[in-house]
Amino acid sequence: RVVGDCRFVSATFRLFKLPKTGPAKRCQVIYNGGITGHEKELIFD
């Protein structure tokens, strides 16, 4: 009753602290494997 029409979600986010190097460029990434628990794929987000 108190909440009414408000809706809530629990969400997991990643916030990175990177050096300021100017505008980022699009790039392709090769995953070479080797990370424990992520042998076949790495779910980044």
All heavy atoms as atom14 arrays in JSON, in Angstrom:
{
  "sequence": "RVVGDCRFVSATFRLFKLPKTGPAKRCQVIYNGGITGHEKELIFD",
  "atom14_mask": [
    [1, 1, 1, 1, 1, 1, 1, 1, 1, 1, 1, 0, 0, 0],
    [1, 1, 1, 1, 1, 1, 1, 0, 0, 0, 0, 0, 0, 0],
    [1, 1, 1, 1, 1, 1, 1, 0, 0, 0, 0, 0, 0, 0],
    [1, 1, 1, 1, 0, 0, 0, 0, 0, 0, 0, 0, 0, 0],
    [1, 1, 1, 1, 1, 1, 1, 1, 0, 0, 0, 0, 0, 0],
    [1, 1, 1, 1, 1, 1, 0, 0, 0, 0, 0, 0, 0, 0],
    [1, 1, 1, 1, 1, 1, 1, 1, 1, 1, 1, 0, 0, 0],
    [1, 1, 1, 1, 1, 1, 1, 1, 1, 1, 1, 0, 0, 0],
    [1, 1, 1, 1, 1, 1, 1, 0, 0, 0, 0, 0, 0, 0],
    [1, 1, 1, 1, 1, 1, 0, 0, 0, 0, 0, 0, 0, 0],
    [1, 1, 1, 1, 1, 0, 0, 0, 0, 0, 0, 0, 0, 0],
    [1, 1, 1, 1, 1, 1, 1, 0, 0, 0, 0, 0, 0, 0],
    [1, 1, 1, 1, 1, 1, 1, 1, 1, 1, 1, 0, 0, 0],
    [1, 1, 1, 1, 1, 1, 1, 1, 1, 1, 1, 0, 0, 0],
    [1, 1, 1, 1, 1, 1, 1, 1, 0, 0, 0, 0, 0, 0],
    [1, 1, 1, 1, 1, 1, 1, 1, 1, 1, 1, 0, 0, 0],
    [1, 1, 1, 1, 1, 1, 1, 1, 1, 0, 0, 0, 0, 0],
    [1, 1, 1, 1, 1, 1, 1, 1, 0, 0, 0, 0, 0, 0],
    [1, 1, 1, 1, 1, 1, 1, 0, 0, 0, 0, 0, 0, 0],
    [1, 1, 1, 1, 1, 1, 1, 1, 1, 0, 0, 0, 0, 0],
    [1, 1, 1, 1, 1, 1, 1, 0, 0, 0, 0, 0, 0, 0],
    [1, 1, 1, 1, 0, 0, 0, 0, 0, 0, 0, 0, 0, 0],
    [1, 1, 1, 1, 1, 1, 1, 0, 0, 0, 0, 0, 0, 0],
    [1, 1, 1, 1, 1, 0, 0, 0, 0, 0, 0, 0, 0, 0],
    [1, 1, 1, 1, 1, 1, 1, 1, 1, 0, 0, 0, 0, 0],
    [1, 1, 1, 1, 1, 1, 1, 1, 1, 1, 1, 0, 0, 0],
    [1, 1, 1, 1, 1, 1, 0, 0, 0, 0, 0, 0, 0, 0],
    [1, 1, 1, 1, 1, 1, 1, 1, 1, 0, 0, 0, 0, 0],
    [1, 1, 1, 1, 1, 1, 1, 0, 0, 0, 0, 0, 0, 0],
    [1, 1, 1, 1, 1, 1, 1, 1, 0, 0, 0, 0, 0, 0],
    [1, 1, 1, 1, 1, 1, 1, 1, 1, 1, 1, 1, 0, 0],
    [1, 1, 1, 1, 1, 1, 1, 1, 0, 0, 0, 0, 0, 0],
    [1, 1, 1, 1, 0, 0, 0, 0, 0, 0, 0, 0, 0, 0],
    [1, 1, 1, 1, 0, 0, 0, 0, 0, 0, 0, 0, 0, 0],
    [1, 1, 1, 1, 1, 1, 1, 1, 0, 0, 0, 0, 0, 0],
    [1, 1, 1, 1, 1, 1, 1, 0, 0, 0, 0, 0, 0, 0],
    [1, 1, 1, 1, 0, 0, 0, 0, 0, 0, 0, 0, 0, 0],
    [1, 1, 1, 1, 1, 1, 1, 1, 1, 1, 0, 0, 0, 0],
    [1, 1, 1, 1, 1, 1, 1, 1, 1, 0, 0, 0, 0, 0],
    [1, 1, 1, 1, 1, 1, 1, 1, 1, 0, 0, 0, 0, 0],
    [1, 1, 1, 1, 1, 1, 1, 1, 1, 0, 0, 0, 0, 0],
    [1, 1, 1, 1, 1, 1, 1, 1, 0, 0, 0, 0, 0, 0],
    [1, 1, 1, 1, 1, 1, 1, 1, 0, 0, 0, 0, 0, 0],
    [1, 1, 1, 1, 1, 1, 1, 1, 1, 1, 1, 0, 0, 0],
    [1, 1, 1, 1, 1, 1, 1, 1, 0, 0, 0, 0, 0, 0]
  ],
  "atom14_positions": [
    [[0.83, -1.21, 0.0], [0.0, 0.0, 0.0], [0.86, 1.25, 0.0], [0.59, 2.21, -0.74], [-0.91, 0.0, 1.23], [-1.82, 1.22, 1.33], [-2.44, 1.34, 2.7], [-1.45, 1.5, 3.75], [-0.83, 2.65, 4.0], [-1.07, 3.73, 3.25], [0.05, 2.72, 4.98], [0.0, 0.0, 0.0], [0.0, 0.0, 0.0], [0.0, 0.0, 0.0]],
    [[1.92, 1.25, 0.8], [2.8, 2.42, 0.88], [3.54, 2.62, -0.44], [3.68, 3.74, -0.93], [3.81, 2.26, 2.04], [4.75, 3.47, 2.08], [3.08, 2.11, 3.36], [0.0, 0.0, 0.0], [0.0, 0.0, 0.0], [0.0, 0.0, 0.0], [0.0, 0.0, 0.0], [0.0, 0.0, 0.0], [0.0, 0.0, 0.0], [0.0, 0.0, 0.0]],
    [[4.01, 1.53, -1.03], [4.79, 1.6, -2.27], [3.95, 2.05, -3.45], [4.41, 2.78, -4.34], [5.44, 0.22, -2.55], [5.98, 0.16, -3.97], [6.55, -0.04, -1.54], [0.0, 0.0, 0.0], [0.0, 0.0, 0.0], [0.0, 0.0, 0.0], [0.0, 0.0, 0.0], [0.0, 0.0, 0.0], [0.0, 0.0, 0.0], [0.0, 0.0, 0.0]],
    [[2.7, 1.63, -3.5], [1.81, 2.06, -4.59], [2.3, 1.62, -5.96], [2.57, 0.43, -6.19], [0.0, 0.0, 0.0], [0.0, 0.0, 0.0], [0.0, 0.0, 0.0], [0.0, 0.0, 0.0], [0.0, 0.0, 0.0], [0.0, 0.0, 0.0], [0.0, 0.0, 0.0], [0.0, 0.0, 0.0], [0.0, 0.0, 0.0], [0.0, 0.0, 0.0]],
    [[2.45, 2.58, -6.87], [2.85, 2.27, -8.25], [4.36, 2.2, -8.45], [4.81, 1.95, -9.58], [2.27, 3.32, -9.21], [0.75, 3.26, -9.27], [0.21, 2.16, -9.08], [0.12, 4.31, -9.51], [0.0, 0.0, 0.0], [0.0, 0.0, 0.0], [0.0, 0.0, 0.0], [0.0, 0.0, 0.0], [0.0, 0.0, 0.0], [0.0, 0.0, 0.0]],
    [[5.14, 2.41, -7.43], [6.6, 2.32, -7.58], [7.01, 0.88, -7.83], [6.45, -0.05, -7.25], [7.29, 2.82, -6.31], [7.06, 4.57, -5.98], [0.0, 0.0, 0.0], [0.0, 0.0, 0.0], [0.0, 0.0, 0.0], [0.0, 0.0, 0.0], [0.0, 0.0, 0.0], [0.0, 0.0, 0.0], [0.0, 0.0, 0.0], [0.0, 0.0, 0.0]],
    [[7.98, 0.7, -8.69], [8.5, -0.63, -8.99], [10.0, -0.65, -8.72], [10.69, 0.35, -8.92], [8.22, -0.99, -10.45], [6.73, -1.11, -10.77], [6.09, -2.29, -10.06], [4.66, -2.39, -10.32], [3.72, -1.87, -9.53], [4.08, -1.22, -8.42], [2.45, -2.0, -9.83], [0.0, 0.0, 0.0], [0.0, 0.0, 0.0], [0.0, 0.0, 0.0]],
    [[10.48, -1.81, -8.29], [11.88, -1.93, -7.9], [12.53, -3.13, -8.59], [11.88, -4.15, -8.83], [12.02, -2.1, -6.39], [11.46, -0.96, -5.58], [10.12, -0.96, -5.19], [12.27, 0.11, -5.22], [9.61, 0.1, -4.44], [11.77, 1.16, -4.48], [10.43, 1.15, -4.09], [0.0, 0.0, 0.0], [0.0, 0.0, 0.0], [0.0, 0.0, 0.0]],
    [[13.81, -3.01, -8.88], [14.59, -4.13, -9.4], [15.9, -4.21, -8.62], [16.4, -3.21, -8.11], [14.92, -3.99, -10.9], [13.67, -4.0, -11.75], [15.77, -2.75, -11.17], [0.0, 0.0, 0.0], [0.0, 0.0, 0.0], [0.0, 0.0, 0.0], [0.0, 0.0, 0.0], [0.0, 0.0, 0.0], [0.0, 0.0, 0.0], [0.0, 0.0, 0.0]],
    [[16.41, -5.44, -8.5], [17.78, -5.61, -8.02], [18.63, -5.79, -9.26], [18.29, -6.58, -10.15], [17.89, -6.83, -7.1], [17.55, -8.02, -7.8], [0.0, 0.0, 0.0], [0.0, 0.0, 0.0], [0.0, 0.0, 0.0], [0.0, 0.0, 0.0], [0.0, 0.0, 0.0], [0.0, 0.0, 0.0], [0.0, 0.0, 0.0], [0.0, 0.0, 0.0]],
    [[19.71, -5.06, -9.34], [20.55, -5.09, -10.54], [22.02, -5.11, -10.15], [22.42, -4.5, -9.15], [20.26, -3.88, -11.42], [0.0, 0.0, 0.0], [0.0, 0.0, 0.0], [0.0, 0.0, 0.0], [0.0, 0.0, 0.0], [0.0, 0.0, 0.0], [0.0, 0.0, 0.0], [0.0, 0.0, 0.0], [0.0, 0.0, 0.0], [0.0, 0.0, 0.0]],
    [[22.8, -5.82, -10.95], [24.25, -5.87, -10.76], [24.9, -5.07, -11.88], [24.6, -5.27, -13.06], [24.77, -7.32, -10.8], [24.13, -8.06, -9.75], [26.28, -7.36, -10.59], [0.0, 0.0, 0.0], [0.0, 0.0, 0.0], [0.0, 0.0, 0.0], [0.0, 0.0, 0.0], [0.0, 0.0, 0.0], [0.0, 0.0, 0.0], [0.0, 0.0, 0.0]],
    [[25.78, -4.14, -11.51], [26.47, -3.28, -12.46], [27.98, -3.39, -12.27], [28.46, -3.75, -11.19], [26.08, -1.82, -12.27], [24.75, -1.43, -12.85], [23.61, -1.39, -12.06], [24.62, -1.1, -14.2], [22.39, -1.03, -12.58], [23.41, -0.74, -14.74], [22.28, -0.7, -13.94], [0.0, 0.0, 0.0], [0.0, 0.0, 0.0], [0.0, 0.0, 0.0]],
    [[28.72, -3.04, -13.34], [30.16, -2.87, -13.28], [30.47, -1.41, -13.59], [30.0, -0.87, -14.59], [30.88, -3.75, -14.29], [30.44, -5.17, -14.34], [31.19, -6.01, -15.34], [32.51, -6.39, -14.82], [33.1, -7.55, -15.07], [32.54, -8.42, -15.88], [34.28, -7.83, -14.56], [0.0, 0.0, 0.0], [0.0, 0.0, 0.0], [0.0, 0.0, 0.0]],
    [[31.27, -0.78, -12.72], [31.75, 0.59, -12.96], [33.27, 0.55, -12.98], [33.89, 0.22, -11.97], [31.27, 1.54, -11.85], [29.81, 1.96, -11.84], [29.56, 2.89, -10.66], [29.43, 2.66, -13.13], [0.0, 0.0, 0.0], [0.0, 0.0, 0.0], [0.0, 0.0, 0.0], [0.0, 0.0, 0.0], [0.0, 0.0, 0.0], [0.0, 0.0, 0.0]],
    [[33.87, 0.91, -14.12], [35.31, 0.85, -14.26], [35.94, 2.23, -14.07], [35.39, 3.24, -14.49], [35.69, 0.31, -15.63], [35.46, -1.17, -15.78], [34.23, -1.65, -16.21], [36.46, -2.08, -15.47], [34.01, -3.01, -16.34], [36.25, -3.44, -15.6], [35.02, -3.91, -16.04], [0.0, 0.0, 0.0], [0.0, 0.0, 0.0], [0.0, 0.0, 0.0]],
    [[37.12, 2.22, -13.45], [37.93, 3.42, -13.31], [39.11, 3.29, -14.27], [40.05, 2.53, -14.03], [38.43, 3.58, -11.87], [39.38, 4.76, -11.67], [39.89, 4.81, -10.24], [40.89, 5.93, -10.02], [41.39, 6.0, -8.62], [0.0, 0.0, 0.0], [0.0, 0.0, 0.0], [0.0, 0.0, 0.0], [0.0, 0.0, 0.0], [0.0, 0.0, 0.0]],
    [[39.06, 4.02, -15.37], [40.11, 3.94, -16.38], [40.76, 5.31, -16.59], [40.12, 6.33, -16.37], [39.54, 3.44, -17.71], [38.93, 2.04, -17.72], [38.44, 1.68, -19.12], [39.94, 1.0, -17.23], [0.0, 0.0, 0.0], [0.0, 0.0, 0.0], [0.0, 0.0, 0.0], [0.0, 0.0, 0.0], [0.0, 0.0, 0.0], [0.0, 0.0, 0.0]],
    [[42.01, 5.33, -17.0], [42.68, 6.61, -17.28], [41.95, 7.36, -18.38], [41.36, 6.76, -19.28], [44.08, 6.19, -17.74], [44.27, 4.8, -17.24], [42.9, 4.18, -17.25], [0.0, 0.0, 0.0], [0.0, 0.0, 0.0], [0.0, 0.0, 0.0], [0.0, 0.0, 0.0], [0.0, 0.0, 0.0], [0.0, 0.0, 0.0], [0.0, 0.0, 0.0]],
    [[41.99, 8.68, -18.3], [41.37, 9.51, -19.33], [42.31, 9.56, -20.54], [43.36, 10.18, -20.5], [41.12, 10.93, -18.78], [40.26, 10.95, -17.51], [38.86, 10.39, -17.78], [37.97, 10.54, -16.56], [38.38, 9.69, -15.43], [0.0, 0.0, 0.0], [0.0, 0.0, 0.0], [0.0, 0.0, 0.0], [0.0, 0.0, 0.0], [0.0, 0.0, 0.0]],
    [[41.92, 8.91, -21.61], [42.78, 8.83, -22.79], [42.11, 9.39, -24.04], [42.51, 9.08, -25.16], [43.18, 7.38, -23.06], [41.98, 6.58, -23.21], [44.01, 6.81, -21.91], [0.0, 0.0, 0.0], [0.0, 0.0, 0.0], [0.0, 0.0, 0.0], [0.0, 0.0, 0.0], [0.0, 0.0, 0.0], [0.0, 0.0, 0.0], [0.0, 0.0, 0.0]],
    [[41.08, 10.19, -23.86], [40.37, 10.72, -25.03], [39.26, 9.79, -25.45], [38.99, 8.76, -24.81], [0.0, 0.0, 0.0], [0.0, 0.0, 0.0], [0.0, 0.0, 0.0], [0.0, 0.0, 0.0], [0.0, 0.0, 0.0], [0.0, 0.0, 0.0], [0.0, 0.0, 0.0], [0.0, 0.0, 0.0], [0.0, 0.0, 0.0], [0.0, 0.0, 0.0]],
    [[38.57, 10.12, -26.53], [37.44, 9.32, -27.0], [37.84, 7.88, -27.27], [38.9, 7.62, -27.85], [37.01, 10.03, -28.3], [37.54, 11.42, -28.17], [38.81, 11.3, -27.39], [0.0, 0.0, 0.0], [0.0, 0.0, 0.0], [0.0, 0.0, 0.0], [0.0, 0.0, 0.0], [0.0, 0.0, 0.0], [0.0, 0.0, 0.0], [0.0, 0.0, 0.0]],
    [[37.01, 6.95, -26.82], [37.3, 5.54, -27.04], [36.98, 5.13, -28.47], [36.07, 5.67, -29.09], [36.49, 4.69, -26.06], [0.0, 0.0, 0.0], [0.0, 0.0, 0.0], [0.0, 0.0, 0.0], [0.0, 0.0, 0.0], [0.0, 0.0, 0.0], [0.0, 0.0, 0.0], [0.0, 0.0, 0.0], [0.0, 0.0, 0.0], [0.0, 0.0, 0.0]],
    [[37.74, 4.19, -28.97], [37.5, 3.68, -30.31], [36.9, 2.28, -30.22], [37.19, 1.52, -29.3], [38.81, 3.62, -31.09], [39.46, 4.98, -31.32], [40.76, 4.82, -32.1], [41.41, 6.19, -32.33], [42.7, 6.05, -33.08], [0.0, 0.0, 0.0], [0.0, 0.0, 0.0], [0.0, 0.0, 0.0], [0.0, 0.0, 0.0], [0.0, 0.0, 0.0]],
    [[36.04, 1.97, -31.19], [35.49, 0.62, -31.26], [36.6, -0.36, -31.59], [37.51, -0.06, -32.36], [34.38, 0.56, -32.31], [33.15, 1.37, -31.95], [32.19, 1.44, -33.12], [31.62, 0.13, -33.41], [30.5, -0.34, -32.87], [29.87, 0.37, -31.96], [30.02, -1.52, -33.22], [0.0, 0.0, 0.0], [0.0, 0.0, 0.0], [0.0, 0.0, 0.0]],
    [[36.52, -1.54, -30.99], [37.57, -2.51, -31.22], [36.99, -3.93, -31.16], [35.92, -4.14, -30.6], [38.69, -2.36, -30.21], [38.17, -2.65, -28.5], [0.0, 0.0, 0.0], [0.0, 0.0, 0.0], [0.0, 0.0, 0.0], [0.0, 0.0, 0.0], [0.0, 0.0, 0.0], [0.0, 0.0, 0.0], [0.0, 0.0, 0.0], [0.0, 0.0, 0.0]],
    [[37.7, -4.84, -31.75], [37.35, -6.24, -31.64], [38.27, -6.9, -30.63], [39.44, -6.53, -30.49], [37.47, -6.93, -33.0], [36.35, -6.56, -33.97], [36.44, -7.35, -35.24], [37.46, -7.32, -35.92], [35.38, -8.05, -35.58], [0.0, 0.0, 0.0], [0.0, 0.0, 0.0], [0.0, 0.0, 0.0], [0.0, 0.0, 0.0], [0.0, 0.0, 0.0]],
    [[37.72, -7.88, -29.9], [38.46, -8.52, -28.81], [38.49, -10.02, -29.04], [37.47, -10.63, -29.37], [37.8, -8.21, -27.45], [38.52, -8.95, -26.33], [37.81, -6.71, -27.19], [0.0, 0.0, 0.0], [0.0, 0.0, 0.0], [0.0, 0.0, 0.0], [0.0, 0.0, 0.0], [0.0, 0.0, 0.0], [0.0, 0.0, 0.0], [0.0, 0.0, 0.0]],
    [[39.66, -10.61, -28.87], [39.8, -12.06, -28.93], [39.89, -12.58, -27.5], [40.72, -12.12, -26.71], [41.08, -12.47, -29.69], [41.03, -11.95, -31.13], [41.24, -13.99, -29.68], [42.33, -12.16, -31.87], [0.0, 0.0, 0.0], [0.0, 0.0, 0.0], [0.0, 0.0, 0.0], [0.0, 0.0, 0.0], [0.0, 0.0, 0.0], [0.0, 0.0, 0.0]],
    [[39.02, -13.52, -27.16], [39.1, -14.16, -25.85], [39.92, -15.43, -25.98], [39.54, -16.37, -26.66], [37.7, -14.47, -25.32], [37.7, -15.21, -24.0], [38.53, -14.77, -22.95], [36.9, -16.32, -23.78], [38.55, -15.43, -21.74], [36.9, -16.97, -22.57], [37.73, -16.53, -21.55], [37.75, -17.18, -20.33], [0.0, 0.0, 0.0], [0.0, 0.0, 0.0]],
    [[41.06, -15.45, -25.31], [41.99, -16.57, -25.41], [41.71, -17.68, -24.4], [42.44, -18.66, -24.32], [43.43, -16.08, -25.23], [43.88, -15.21, -26.38], [43.53, -15.47, -27.52], [44.62, -14.17, -26.07], [0.0, 0.0, 0.0], [0.0, 0.0, 0.0], [0.0, 0.0, 0.0], [0.0, 0.0, 0.0], [0.0, 0.0, 0.0], [0.0, 0.0, 0.0]],
    [[40.64, -17.51, -23.61], [40.31, -18.54, -22.64], [41.24, -18.5, -21.44], [41.99, -17.55, -21.22], [0.0, 0.0, 0.0], [0.0, 0.0, 0.0], [0.0, 0.0, 0.0], [0.0, 0.0, 0.0], [0.0, 0.0, 0.0], [0.0, 0.0, 0.0], [0.0, 0.0, 0.0], [0.0, 0.0, 0.0], [0.0, 0.0, 0.0], [0.0, 0.0, 0.0]],
    [[41.18, -19.56, -20.64], [42.11, -19.68, -19.51], [41.61, -19.13, -18.2], [42.3, -19.22, -17.19], [0.0, 0.0, 0.0], [0.0, 0.0, 0.0], [0.0, 0.0, 0.0], [0.0, 0.0, 0.0], [0.0, 0.0, 0.0], [0.0, 0.0, 0.0], [0.0, 0.0, 0.0], [0.0, 0.0, 0.0], [0.0, 0.0, 0.0], [0.0, 0.0, 0.0]],
    [[40.41, -18.53, -18.17], [39.88, -17.99, -16.92], [39.05, -19.07, -16.24], [38.11, -19.62, -16.84], [39.01, -16.73, -17.17], [39.87, -15.62, -17.78], [38.37, -16.25, -15.88], [39.09, -14.38, -18.14], [0.0, 0.0, 0.0], [0.0, 0.0, 0.0], [0.0, 0.0, 0.0], [0.0, 0.0, 0.0], [0.0, 0.0, 0.0], [0.0, 0.0, 0.0]],
    [[39.37, -19.39, -15.0], [38.68, -20.43, -14.25], [37.18, -20.15, -14.18], [36.75, -19.06, -13.83], [39.23, -20.53, -12.82], [40.63, -20.8, -12.87], [38.53, -21.64, -12.04], [0.0, 0.0, 0.0], [0.0, 0.0, 0.0], [0.0, 0.0, 0.0], [0.0, 0.0, 0.0], [0.0, 0.0, 0.0], [0.0, 0.0, 0.0], [0.0, 0.0, 0.0]],
    [[36.41, -21.16, -14.56], [34.96, -21.02, -14.54], [34.37, -20.41, -15.79], [33.15, -20.34, -15.94], [0.0, 0.0, 0.0], [0.0, 0.0, 0.0], [0.0, 0.0, 0.0], [0.0, 0.0, 0.0], [0.0, 0.0, 0.0], [0.0, 0.0, 0.0], [0.0, 0.0, 0.0], [0.0, 0.0, 0.0], [0.0, 0.0, 0.0], [0.0, 0.0, 0.0]],
    [[35.25, -19.96, -16.69], [34.79, -19.3, -17.92], [35.58, -19.87, -19.1], [36.05, -19.13, -19.97], [34.98, -17.79, -17.83], [34.33, -17.18, -16.63], [33.02, -16.78, -16.61], [34.83, -16.93, -15.39], [32.73, -16.29, -15.41], [33.81, -16.37, -14.66], [0.0, 0.0, 0.0], [0.0, 0.0, 0.0], [0.0, 0.0, 0.0], [0.0, 0.0, 0.0]],
    [[35.73, -21.17, -19.12], [36.58, -21.81, -20.13], [36.02, -21.65, -21.55], [36.78, -21.5, -22.5], [36.75, -23.29, -19.8], [37.65, -23.56, -18.6], [36.97, -23.33, -17.25], [35.71, -23.14, -17.25], [37.65, -23.33, -16.22], [0.0, 0.0, 0.0], [0.0, 0.0, 0.0], [0.0, 0.0, 0.0], [0.0, 0.0, 0.0], [0.0, 0.0, 0.0]],
    [[34.71, -21.68, -21.69], [34.1, -21.63, -23.02], [33.65, -20.23, -23.43], [33.61, -19.9, -24.61], [32.91, -22.59, -23.09], [33.31, -24.05, -22.96], [32.11, -24.96, -23.12], [32.52, -26.42, -23.05], [31.35, -27.34, -23.19], [0.0, 0.0, 0.0], [0.0, 0.0, 0.0], [0.0, 0.0, 0.0], [0.0, 0.0, 0.0], [0.0, 0.0, 0.0]],
    [[33.28, -19.43, -22.46], [32.86, -18.06, -22.75], [32.97, -17.2, -21.52], [32.9, -17.68, -20.39], [31.42, -18.03, -23.28], [30.38, -18.52, -22.28], [28.96, -18.48, -22.83], [28.8, -18.49, -24.07], [28.01, -18.45, -22.02], [0.0, 0.0, 0.0], [0.0, 0.0, 0.0], [0.0, 0.0, 0.0], [0.0, 0.0, 0.0], [0.0, 0.0, 0.0]],
    [[33.16, -15.91, -21.72], [33.24, -14.94, -20.64], [32.07, -13.96, -20.8], [32.01, -13.2, -21.77], [34.56, -14.18, -20.69], [34.71, -13.01, -19.71], [34.64, -13.52, -18.28], [36.02, -12.28, -19.95], [0.0, 0.0, 0.0], [0.0, 0.0, 0.0], [0.0, 0.0, 0.0], [0.0, 0.0, 0.0], [0.0, 0.0, 0.0], [0.0, 0.0, 0.0]],
    [[31.13, -14.04, -19.87], [29.99, -13.12, -19.91], [30.42, -11.83, -19.23], [30.47, -11.74, -18.0], [28.76, -13.73, -19.22], [28.38, -15.06, -19.9], [27.59, -12.76, -19.26], [27.26, -15.81, -19.23], [0.0, 0.0, 0.0], [0.0, 0.0, 0.0], [0.0, 0.0, 0.0], [0.0, 0.0, 0.0], [0.0, 0.0, 0.0], [0.0, 0.0, 0.0]],
    [[30.73, -10.84, -20.04], [31.23, -9.57, -19.5], [30.11, -8.75, -18.88], [30.26, -8.15, -17.81], [31.91, -8.79, -20.64], [32.47, -7.47, -20.22], [33.6, -7.4, -19.42], [31.88, -6.28, -20.63], [34.12, -6.18, -19.03], [32.4, -5.06, -20.26], [33.52, -5.0, -19.45], [0.0, 0.0, 0.0], [0.0, 0.0, 0.0], [0.0, 0.0, 0.0]],
    [[28.98, -8.68, -19.57], [27.8, -8.01, -19.03], [26.59, -8.53, -19.79], [26.68, -9.53, -20.5], [27.93, -6.48, -19.11], [28.09, -5.96, -20.54], [27.75, -6.68, -21.5], [28.57, -4.82, -20.7], [0.0, 0.0, 0.0], [0.0, 0.0, 0.0], [0.0, 0.0, 0.0], [0.0, 0.0, 0.0], [0.0, 0.0, 0.0], [0.0, 0.0, 0.0]]
  ]
}
